[in-house]
Amino acid sequence: MSKVKLSPNQKLLIRIPELAALLSLSVTHTYELMQTGQLPEPTATLGRARLFDRRLIELWIDMGCPSQEKFEKLRKGKK
């Protein structure tokens, strides 16, 4: 994975509303994509908040937005 330099105002872990903004999608549609396995798994859960690693989301985008299952296989080097 390439090293992504974050500016001081960018968070490493982002919540669903920030993820939706990053993807230029509505929050509702982002939840739908998450529930159908079309987004990477959240990196952490704090209470009910799901947190996504911004670097993994950027890698997922660079890979062409594959399904969650395919993304994990590609990321771990499996075919």
C-alpha atoms as a PDB file:
ATOM      1  CA  MET A   1       0.000   0.000   0.000  1.00  0.00           C
ATOM      2  CA  SER A   2       1.409   3.402  -0.887  1.00  0.00           C
ATOM      3  CA  LYS A   3       1.852   5.925   1.871  1.00  0.00           C
ATOM      4  CA  VAL A   4      -0.792   8.618   1.715  1.00  0.00           C
ATOM      5  CA  LYS A   5       0.169  11.946   3.218  1.00  0.00           C
ATOM      6  CA  LEU A   6      -2.739  13.444   5.084  1.00  0.00           C
ATOM      7  CA  SER A   7      -2.929  17.147   5.638  1.00  0.00           C
ATOM      8  CA  PRO A   8      -3.355  18.213   9.281  1.00  0.00           C
ATOM      9  CA  ASN A   9      -7.095  18.757   8.793  1.00  0.00           C
ATOM     10  CA  GLN A  10      -7.721  15.269   7.348  1.00  0.00           C
ATOM     11  CA  LYS A  11      -8.747  12.488   9.700  1.00  0.00           C
ATOM     12  CA  LEU A  12      -7.290   9.013   9.395  1.00  0.00           C
ATOM     13  CA  LEU A  13     -10.496   7.354  10.629  1.00  0.00           C
ATOM     14  CA  ILE A  14     -13.721   8.652   9.140  1.00  0.00           C
ATOM     15  CA  ARG A  15     -17.368   8.053   9.981  1.00  0.00           C
ATOM     16  CA  ILE A  16     -20.110   7.230   7.480  1.00  0.00           C
ATOM     17  CA  PRO A  17     -21.136  10.859   6.768  1.00  0.00           C
ATOM     18  CA  GLU A  18     -17.491  11.700   5.960  1.00  0.00           C
ATOM     19  CA  LEU A  19     -17.177   8.544   3.870  1.00  0.00           C
ATOM     20  CA  ALA A  20     -20.309   9.516   1.940  1.00  0.00           C
ATOM     21  CA  ALA A  21     -18.849  12.971   1.269  1.00  0.00           C
ATOM     22  CA  LEU A  22     -15.534  11.437   0.147  1.00  0.00           C
ATOM     23  CA  LEU A  23     -17.425   9.187  -2.288  1.00  0.00           C
ATOM     24  CA  SER A  24     -19.830  11.961  -3.375  1.00  0.00           C
ATOM     25  CA  LEU A  25     -22.792   9.831  -2.309  1.00  0.00           C
ATOM     26  CA  SER A  26     -25.702  10.352   0.035  1.00  0.00           C
ATOM     27  CA  VAL A  27     -25.406   8.920   3.524  1.00  0.00           C
ATOM     28  CA  THR A  28     -28.392   6.662   2.792  1.00  0.00           C
ATOM     29  CA  HIS A  29     -26.781   5.235  -0.341  1.00  0.00           C
ATOM     30  CA  THR A  30     -23.495   4.740   1.520  1.00  0.00           C
ATOM     31  CA  TYR A  31     -25.335   2.702   4.181  1.00  0.00           C
ATOM     32  CA  GLU A  32     -26.962   0.628   1.409  1.00  0.00           C
ATOM     33  CA  LEU A  33     -23.579  -0.088  -0.173  1.00  0.00           C
ATOM     34  CA  MET A  34     -22.174  -1.077   3.202  1.00  0.00           C
ATOM     35  CA  GLN A  35     -25.107  -3.399   3.971  1.00  0.00           C
ATOM     36  CA  THR A  36     -24.802  -5.155   0.602  1.00  0.00           C
ATOM     37  CA  GLY A  37     -21.042  -5.774   0.936  1.00  0.00           C
ATOM     38  CA  GLN A  38     -19.981  -3.290  -1.699  1.00  0.00           C
ATOM     39  CA  LEU A  39     -17.762  -1.225   0.626  1.00  0.00           C
ATOM     40  CA  PRO A  40     -14.713  -2.339   2.614  1.00  0.00           C
ATOM     41  CA  GLU A  41     -15.380  -3.445   6.184  1.00  0.00           C
ATOM     42  CA  PRO A  42     -15.191  -0.715   8.822  1.00  0.00           C
ATOM     43  CA  THR A  43     -11.807  -0.624  10.539  1.00  0.00           C
ATOM     44  CA  ALA A  44     -13.293  -0.071  13.994  1.00  0.00           C
ATOM     45  CA  THR A  45     -16.589   0.287  15.790  1.00  0.00           C
ATOM     46  CA  LEU A  46     -16.964   2.603  18.772  1.00  0.00           C
ATOM     47  CA  GLY A  47     -20.393   2.242  20.263  1.00  0.00           C
ATOM     48  CA  ARG A  48     -22.641   2.409  17.213  1.00  0.00           C
ATOM     49  CA  ALA A  49     -20.193   4.490  15.157  1.00  0.00           C
ATOM     50  CA  ARG A  50     -18.450   2.645  12.362  1.00  0.00           C
ATOM     51  CA  LEU A  51     -15.037   4.052  11.494  1.00  0.00           C
ATOM     52  CA  PHE A  52     -13.284   3.560   8.162  1.00  0.00           C
ATOM     53  CA  ASP A  53      -9.562   3.930   7.516  1.00  0.00           C
ATOM     54  CA  ARG A  54      -9.285   6.701   4.943  1.00  0.00           C
ATOM     55  CA  ARG A  55      -6.162   5.058   3.416  1.00  0.00           C
ATOM     56  CA  LEU A  56      -8.038   1.783   2.833  1.00  0.00           C
ATOM     57  CA  ILE A  57     -10.934   3.645   1.233  1.00  0.00           C
ATOM     58  CA  GLU A  58      -8.513   5.462  -1.082  1.00  0.00           C
ATOM     59  CA  LEU A  59      -6.851   2.123  -1.945  1.00  0.00           C
ATOM     60  CA  TRP A  60     -10.302   0.610  -2.609  1.00  0.00           C
ATOM     61  CA  ILE A  61     -11.076   3.501  -4.973  1.00  0.00           C
ATOM     62  CA  ASP A  62      -7.691   3.074  -6.724  1.00  0.00           C
ATOM     63  CA  MET A  63      -8.545  -0.633  -7.233  1.00  0.00           C
ATOM     64  CA  GLY A  64     -11.780   0.297  -9.000  1.00  0.00           C
ATOM     65  CA  CYS A  65     -14.216  -0.109  -6.070  1.00  0.00           C
ATOM     66  CA  PRO A  66     -14.419  -3.923  -6.020  1.00  0.00           C
ATOM     67  CA  SER A  67     -16.843  -5.780  -3.760  1.00  0.00           C
ATOM     68  CA  GLN A  68     -15.843  -6.216  -0.130  1.00  0.00           C
ATOM     69  CA  GLU A  69     -14.934  -9.869  -0.695  1.00  0.00           C
ATOM     70  CA  LYS A  70     -12.850  -9.174  -3.809  1.00  0.00           C
ATOM     71  CA  PHE A  71     -11.150  -6.180  -2.164  1.00  0.00           C
ATOM     72  CA  GLU A  72     -10.015  -8.299   0.791  1.00  0.00           C
ATOM     73  CA  LYS A  73      -8.662 -10.996  -1.526  1.00  0.00           C
ATOM     74  CA  LEU A  74      -6.795  -8.444  -3.673  1.00  0.00           C
ATOM     75  CA  ARG A  75      -5.488  -6.622  -0.642  1.00  0.00           C
ATOM     76  CA  LYS A  76      -4.152  -9.835   0.892  1.00  0.00           C
ATOM     77  CA  GLY A  77      -2.622 -10.921  -2.426  1.00  0.00           C
ATOM     78  CA  LYS A  78      -4.988 -13.816  -3.099  1.00  0.00           C
ATOM     79  CA  LYS A  79      -6.512 -14.472  -6.506  1.00  0.00           C
END
